[in-house]
């Protein structure tokens, strides 16, 4: 592992600490910077996202966090900051189960895992922008945001030939209206989530059953599910999550099939 990779993994863990703290709370700085978070869904009820202070910002900037709550549809999304040996297995499961997903990749992932990126595209999955260097985009200029996003888009085009990239996940779940507006000007829809759990800590994996229970207990119609591919537990639980969600009447859709967004 290169020194860059080690530093990047430390950065991802620190970023994830911020993310998991925000899953059950929401905060805003005086300047209007938010950490995306909410009270989780319980027994099929909707999470509290539409009650949070940033709901109107998401609506104004056409962001996504929830699909049609009248339909039992689910959207699988994965964040790929670095590779931990499980993405190929996750792709195997998705292929076997004929289940679409979107993978949000960073510049590090593009450079480090070109074959996996090409496989994502060739097997019909969407690839989303997670920024080149995973910064807090609320702390950089709009010009720097454009550069971060443009480098990822060009990197994916060079690898896969895909010229379109329509979806963005702001690093660390940190955003402001300026960040969303700047991203939207570049043609991106910002994508958040309505189902998540602490899956990113590779030193605190608790077994496939924990991953399964954490996801299944939060399922609700229109859910956008956030998972991290570095998790051994997610890789082991994914097949059963897909099978049992379908038993409950859910179907899995690609993000570009989302017809209704609920705010």
Protein backbone atom coordinates (compact mmCIF):
# COMPACT_ATOMS: atom_id res chain seq x y z
CA UNK A 1 0.00 0.00 0.00
CA UNK A 2 1.37 3.40 -0.94
CA UNK A 3 1.77 6.20 1.55
CA UNK A 4 -0.95 8.09 -0.36
CA UNK A 5 -3.32 5.16 0.10
CA UNK A 6 -2.64 5.05 3.84
CA UNK A 7 -3.27 8.78 4.20
CA UNK A 8 -6.40 8.48 2.11
CA UNK A 9 -7.80 5.66 4.24
CA UNK A 10 -7.20 7.70 7.39
CA UNK A 11 -9.00 10.61 5.76
CA UNK A 12 -11.94 8.41 4.77
CA UNK A 13 -12.28 7.09 8.33
CA UNK A 14 -12.22 10.62 9.72
CA UNK A 15 -14.81 11.69 7.15
CA UNK A 16 -16.97 8.71 8.02
CA UNK A 17 -16.83 9.65 11.71
CA UNK A 18 -18.45 12.92 10.73
CA UNK A 19 -20.96 11.10 8.53
CA UNK A 20 -22.09 8.57 11.13
CA UNK A 21 -22.42 11.27 13.75
CA UNK A 22 -24.72 13.11 11.39
CA UNK A 23 -26.96 10.13 10.60
CA UNK A 24 -28.99 10.70 13.75
CA UNK A 25 -28.65 14.47 14.03
CA UNK A 26 -28.59 17.55 11.89
CA UNK A 27 -26.58 20.68 12.45
CA UNK A 28 -25.94 23.89 10.61
CA UNK A 29 -23.18 26.42 10.94
CA UNK A 30 -24.00 30.11 11.07
CA UNK A 31 -22.98 30.25 7.40
CA UNK A 32 -25.57 27.68 6.41
CA UNK A 33 -23.42 24.55 6.20
CA UNK A 34 -25.26 21.34 7.03
CA UNK A 35 -24.30 17.79 7.96
CA UNK A 36 -26.94 15.59 6.37
CA UNK A 37 -28.68 13.61 9.10
CA UNK A 38 -32.02 12.47 10.41
CA UNK A 39 -33.86 10.21 12.82
CA UNK A 40 -33.92 6.75 11.33
CA UNK A 41 -36.94 4.93 9.97
CA UNK A 42 -38.59 2.54 12.42
CA UNK A 43 -40.98 -0.25 11.37
CA UNK A 44 -41.48 1.13 7.89
CA UNK A 45 -42.24 4.70 8.94
CA UNK A 46 -40.46 7.45 7.05
CA UNK A 47 -37.29 8.91 8.57
CA UNK A 48 -37.39 12.50 9.77
CA UNK A 49 -35.63 14.08 6.77
CA UNK A 50 -38.64 16.11 5.68
CA UNK A 51 -38.78 17.62 9.18
CA UNK A 52 -35.16 18.79 9.20
CA UNK A 53 -34.03 22.37 8.69
CA UNK A 54 -32.39 21.72 5.33
CA UNK A 55 -35.43 20.22 3.61
CA UNK A 56 -36.28 23.42 1.74
CA UNK A 57 -32.70 23.72 0.44
CA UNK A 58 -32.81 20.19 -0.95
CA UNK A 59 -36.09 20.94 -2.64
CA UNK A 60 -34.90 24.19 -4.18
CA UNK A 61 -31.78 22.53 -5.55
CA UNK A 62 -33.59 19.39 -6.78
CA UNK A 63 -31.55 17.03 -4.58
CA UNK A 64 -32.51 13.39 -4.01
CA UNK A 65 -32.90 11.53 -0.73
CA UNK A 66 -36.26 9.77 -1.10
CA UNK A 67 -38.24 8.37 -4.01
CA UNK A 68 -41.92 7.66 -4.42
CA UNK A 69 -43.27 6.79 -0.97
CA UNK A 70 -46.40 5.33 -2.59
CA UNK A 71 -44.35 2.56 -4.22
CA UNK A 72 -42.21 -0.14 -2.64
CA UNK A 73 -39.13 0.82 -4.61
CA UNK A 74 -35.54 0.84 -3.33
CA UNK A 75 -32.37 2.45 -4.66
CA UNK A 76 -28.99 0.92 -3.80
CA UNK A 77 -26.10 3.39 -3.58
CA UNK A 78 -22.49 2.62 -2.67
CA UNK A 79 -19.67 4.98 -1.73
CA UNK A 80 -16.23 3.97 -3.04
CA UNK A 81 -13.40 6.01 -1.55
CA UNK A 82 -10.86 3.18 -1.50
CA UNK A 83 -10.88 -0.54 -2.17
CA UNK A 84 -10.88 -3.05 0.69
CA UNK A 85 -11.29 -6.25 -1.31
CA UNK A 86 -15.09 -6.56 -1.33
CA UNK A 87 -16.35 -4.64 -4.35
CA UNK A 88 -15.84 -7.49 -6.80
CA UNK A 89 -17.95 -9.74 -4.57
CA UNK A 90 -20.62 -7.06 -4.28
CA UNK A 91 -20.70 -6.79 -8.07
CA UNK A 92 -21.00 -10.58 -8.27
CA UNK A 93 -24.07 -10.49 -6.02
CA UNK A 94 -25.67 -7.63 -7.96
CA UNK A 95 -25.10 -9.50 -11.21
CA UNK A 96 -26.49 -12.76 -9.84
CA UNK A 97 -29.55 -11.02 -8.37
CA UNK A 98 -30.02 -8.76 -11.42
CA UNK A 99 -30.02 -5.73 -9.15
CA UNK A 100 -28.95 -2.24 -10.27
CA UNK A 101 -26.92 0.18 -8.18
CA UNK A 102 -24.93 3.38 -8.36
CA UNK A 103 -21.33 3.63 -7.19
CA UNK A 104 -20.04 7.05 -6.11
CA UNK A 105 -16.30 7.10 -6.76
CA UNK A 106 -13.42 9.40 -5.87
CA UNK A 107 -10.31 10.24 -7.84
CA UNK A 108 -8.30 7.85 -5.69
CA UNK A 109 -10.63 5.00 -6.59
CA UNK A 110 -10.47 5.79 -10.30
CA UNK A 111 -6.67 5.71 -10.27
CA UNK A 112 -6.37 2.72 -7.93
CA UNK A 113 -9.15 0.46 -9.26
CA UNK A 114 -9.67 1.09 -13.00
CA UNK A 115 -10.77 -2.48 -13.71
CA UNK A 116 -13.50 -2.39 -11.08
CA UNK A 117 -14.71 0.97 -12.37
CA UNK A 118 -14.90 -0.42 -15.90
CA UNK A 119 -16.76 -3.45 -14.61
CA UNK A 120 -19.34 -1.26 -12.87
CA UNK A 121 -20.09 0.47 -16.14
CA UNK A 122 -20.03 -2.66 -18.32
CA UNK A 123 -22.50 -4.43 -16.03
CA UNK A 124 -25.03 -1.62 -16.31
CA UNK A 125 -24.54 0.22 -13.04
CA UNK A 126 -24.46 3.98 -12.76
CA UNK A 127 -21.25 5.68 -11.68
CA UNK A 128 -21.62 8.83 -9.63
CA UNK A 129 -19.26 11.64 -8.66
CA UNK A 130 -17.90 11.66 -5.11
CA UNK A 131 -15.32 14.39 -5.87
CA UNK A 132 -11.67 13.94 -6.73
CA UNK A 133 -10.09 14.38 -3.29
CA UNK A 134 -13.08 14.04 -0.92
CA UNK A 135 -12.98 17.58 0.53
CA UNK A 136 -15.54 19.44 2.57
CA UNK A 137 -16.98 21.22 -0.46
CA UNK A 138 -18.57 23.91 1.69
CA UNK A 139 -15.05 25.03 2.59
CA UNK A 140 -13.75 25.44 -0.98
CA UNK A 141 -14.65 27.87 -3.74
CA UNK A 142 -17.17 27.17 -6.47
CA UNK A 143 -14.29 27.09 -8.95
CA UNK A 144 -12.56 24.41 -6.88
CA UNK A 145 -15.82 22.45 -6.73
CA UNK A 146 -15.97 22.55 -10.52
CA UNK A 147 -12.41 21.25 -10.71
CA UNK A 148 -13.09 18.44 -8.22
CA UNK A 149 -16.14 17.28 -10.15
CA UNK A 150 -14.64 17.79 -13.58
CA UNK A 151 -11.59 15.62 -12.84
CA UNK A 152 -13.78 12.70 -11.77
CA UNK A 153 -16.06 13.04 -14.79
CA UNK A 154 -13.09 13.13 -17.15
CA UNK A 155 -11.47 10.19 -15.39
CA UNK A 156 -14.59 8.07 -15.81
CA UNK A 157 -14.93 9.11 -19.46
CA UNK A 158 -11.32 8.10 -20.10
CA UNK A 159 -11.84 4.70 -18.47
CA UNK A 160 -15.30 3.76 -19.67
CA UNK A 161 -16.12 6.01 -22.60
CA UNK A 162 -19.17 7.25 -20.69
CA UNK A 163 -19.50 10.97 -21.27
CA UNK A 164 -22.55 11.51 -19.05
CA UNK A 165 -22.35 11.77 -15.28
CA UNK A 166 -25.50 13.11 -13.68
CA UNK A 167 -25.30 12.26 -9.99
CA UNK A 168 -23.14 13.57 -7.17
CA UNK A 169 -22.81 12.61 -3.52
CA UNK A 170 -21.24 15.43 -1.51
CA UNK A 171 -18.28 14.10 0.49
CA UNK A 172 -18.97 13.47 4.19
CA UNK A 173 -22.61 14.48 3.71
CA UNK A 174 -21.56 18.10 4.24
CA UNK A 175 -23.27 20.69 2.07
CA UNK A 176 -24.62 24.19 1.78
CA UNK A 177 -27.01 25.72 -0.67
CA UNK A 178 -24.03 27.20 -2.51
CA UNK A 179 -22.47 23.73 -2.87
CA UNK A 180 -25.69 22.23 -4.21
CA UNK A 181 -26.25 25.17 -6.55
CA UNK A 182 -22.69 25.06 -7.90
CA UNK A 183 -23.01 21.32 -8.49
CA UNK A 184 -26.37 21.76 -10.16
CA UNK A 185 -24.88 24.37 -12.51
CA UNK A 186 -22.47 21.64 -13.63
CA UNK A 187 -25.40 19.37 -14.44
CA UNK A 188 -25.41 17.27 -11.26
CA UNK A 189 -28.25 16.07 -9.07
CA UNK A 190 -27.01 15.79 -5.49
CA UNK A 191 -27.89 12.45 -3.91
CA UNK A 192 -28.28 11.88 -0.19
CA UNK A 193 -29.99 8.91 1.50
CA UNK A 194 -32.78 7.74 3.78
CA UNK A 195 -31.25 4.46 5.03
CA UNK A 196 -27.74 4.20 6.50
CA UNK A 197 -25.84 2.73 9.42
CA UNK A 198 -22.29 2.61 10.77
CA UNK A 199 -20.82 0.33 8.12
CA UNK A 200 -17.63 2.19 7.18
CA UNK A 201 -15.38 1.26 10.14
CA UNK A 202 -13.38 -1.74 8.97
CA UNK A 203 -12.15 -2.37 12.53
CA UNK A 204 -15.64 -2.57 13.96
CA UNK A 205 -17.40 -5.08 11.73
CA UNK A 206 -20.04 -7.02 13.65
CA UNK A 207 -21.00 -9.79 11.26
CA UNK A 208 -23.39 -10.09 8.33
CA UNK A 209 -26.43 -10.32 10.59
CA UNK A 210 -25.74 -6.88 12.04
CA UNK A 211 -25.58 -5.40 8.54
CA UNK A 212 -28.72 -7.24 7.51
CA UNK A 213 -30.69 -6.15 10.57
CA UNK A 214 -29.45 -2.56 10.32
CA UNK A 215 -30.68 -2.21 6.74
CA UNK A 216 -33.86 -4.27 6.94
CA UNK A 217 -35.09 -2.51 10.07
CA UNK A 218 -35.01 0.82 8.22
CA UNK A 219 -36.63 -0.16 4.92
CA UNK A 220 -39.47 2.03 3.72
CA UNK A 221 -41.04 2.81 0.34
CA UNK A 222 -38.83 5.00 -1.82
CA UNK A 223 -35.72 4.40 0.27
CA UNK A 224 -32.30 5.49 -0.97
CA UNK A 225 -29.88 3.12 0.75
CA UNK A 226 -26.30 4.22 1.51
CA UNK A 227 -23.72 1.44 1.91
CA UNK A 228 -19.91 1.46 1.89
CA UNK A 229 -18.09 -1.19 -0.13
CA UNK A 230 -15.26 -1.41 2.42
CA UNK A 231 -17.56 -3.33 4.77
CA UNK A 232 -17.12 -7.10 4.98
CA UNK A 233 -20.52 -7.26 6.68
CA UNK A 234 -22.25 -5.52 3.77
CA UNK A 235 -20.63 -7.83 1.25
CA UNK A 236 -21.81 -10.89 3.18
CA UNK A 237 -25.33 -9.60 3.85
CA UNK A 238 -26.15 -8.04 0.49
CA UNK A 239 -27.63 -11.11 -1.17
CA UNK A 240 -30.00 -11.80 1.71
CA UNK A 241 -30.97 -8.13 1.95
CA UNK A 242 -31.95 -8.16 -1.72
CA UNK A 243 -33.81 -11.47 -1.49
CA UNK A 244 -35.74 -10.63 1.67
CA UNK A 245 -36.58 -7.11 0.54
CA UNK A 246 -38.13 -8.64 -2.56
CA UNK A 247 -40.07 -11.09 -0.39
CA UNK A 248 -41.54 -8.03 1.34
CA UNK A 249 -42.69 -6.73 -2.04
CA UNK A 250 -39.88 -4.28 -2.76
CA UNK A 251 -38.25 -3.82 -6.16
CA UNK A 252 -34.81 -2.35 -6.82
CA UNK A 253 -34.50 0.48 -9.32
CA UNK A 254 -31.67 2.44 -10.89
CA UNK A 255 -31.48 5.98 -9.66
CA UNK A 256 -32.28 7.31 -13.13
CA UNK A 257 -35.58 5.42 -12.97
CA UNK A 258 -36.78 7.51 -10.01
CA UNK A 259 -39.94 9.16 -11.31
CA UNK A 260 -41.08 10.92 -8.14
CA UNK A 261 -38.96 12.65 -5.51
CA UNK A 262 -40.53 13.32 -2.15
CA UNK A 263 -39.60 16.26 0.04
